């Protein structure tokens, strides 16, 4: 996997983390769904960690050379 693909995976993981954080916040505010807040937040934290990992790998790789032609 090259640097560009790692950055794309980081972007996707960050999007998932943001969505789950929003879902966790909504669940925490709801009396009927409050029990879902903690697992949603944990899943969001996992996706945030995945995003950080892909970003760190991309940072360690050299920039992808543009293709000729």
Protein backbone atom coordinates (compact mmCIF):
# COMPACT_ATOMS: atom_id res chain seq x y z
CA UNK A 1 0.00 0.00 0.00
CA UNK A 2 1.46 3.35 -0.98
CA UNK A 3 1.25 6.70 0.81
CA UNK A 4 -1.81 7.86 -1.12
CA UNK A 5 -3.76 4.72 -0.23
CA UNK A 6 -2.84 5.08 3.45
CA UNK A 7 -4.07 8.68 3.40
CA UNK A 8 -7.32 7.59 1.74
CA UNK A 9 -7.80 4.90 4.41
CA UNK A 10 -7.10 7.49 7.11
CA UNK A 11 -9.73 9.81 5.63
CA UNK A 12 -12.30 7.01 5.52
CA UNK A 13 -11.54 5.92 9.08
CA UNK A 14 -11.80 9.51 10.28
CA UNK A 15 -15.20 9.85 8.59
CA UNK A 16 -16.40 6.71 10.38
CA UNK A 17 -15.03 7.97 13.71
CA UNK A 18 -16.84 11.30 13.28
CA UNK A 19 -20.12 9.60 12.41
CA UNK A 20 -19.88 7.27 15.39
CA UNK A 21 -19.03 10.15 17.71
CA UNK A 22 -22.18 11.92 16.55
CA UNK A 23 -24.22 8.76 17.02
CA UNK A 24 -22.79 8.32 20.52
CA UNK A 25 -23.65 11.91 21.39
CA UNK A 26 -27.21 11.45 20.14
CA UNK A 27 -27.57 8.21 22.09
CA UNK A 28 -26.24 9.84 25.27
CA UNK A 29 -28.92 12.53 25.01
CA UNK A 30 -31.72 10.00 24.54
CA UNK A 31 -33.29 8.25 27.51
CA UNK A 32 -34.29 5.30 25.33
CA UNK A 33 -30.88 4.84 23.70
CA UNK A 34 -28.45 5.96 26.40
CA UNK A 35 -27.20 2.36 26.77
CA UNK A 36 -25.86 2.55 23.20
CA UNK A 37 -23.65 5.60 23.85
CA UNK A 38 -20.67 3.80 25.36
CA UNK A 39 -20.28 1.09 22.68
CA UNK A 40 -20.73 3.68 19.93
CA UNK A 41 -18.09 5.90 21.51
CA UNK A 42 -15.73 2.92 21.84
CA UNK A 43 -16.19 2.04 18.18
CA UNK A 44 -15.55 5.65 17.22
CA UNK A 45 -12.35 5.66 19.29
CA UNK A 46 -11.20 2.53 17.49
CA UNK A 47 -11.77 4.13 14.09
CA UNK A 48 -9.92 7.25 15.25
CA UNK A 49 -6.99 5.05 16.25
CA UNK A 50 -7.05 3.38 12.83
CA UNK A 51 -6.99 6.82 11.20
CA UNK A 52 -3.98 7.86 13.31
CA UNK A 53 -2.19 4.63 12.40
CA UNK A 54 -2.72 5.11 8.66
CA UNK A 55 -1.60 8.73 8.97
CA UNK A 56 1.59 7.72 10.80
CA UNK A 57 2.39 5.10 8.16
CA UNK A 58 1.76 7.61 5.35
CA UNK A 59 4.00 10.15 7.09
CA UNK A 60 6.80 7.54 7.23
CA UNK A 61 6.54 6.73 3.52
CA UNK A 62 8.02 8.91 0.81
CA UNK A 63 5.70 10.89 -1.41
CA UNK A 64 4.42 9.00 -4.42
CA UNK A 65 6.09 10.08 -7.63
CA UNK A 66 3.64 11.28 -10.29
CA UNK A 67 3.24 8.88 -13.20
CA UNK A 68 4.74 9.97 -16.51
CA UNK A 69 2.57 10.29 -19.54
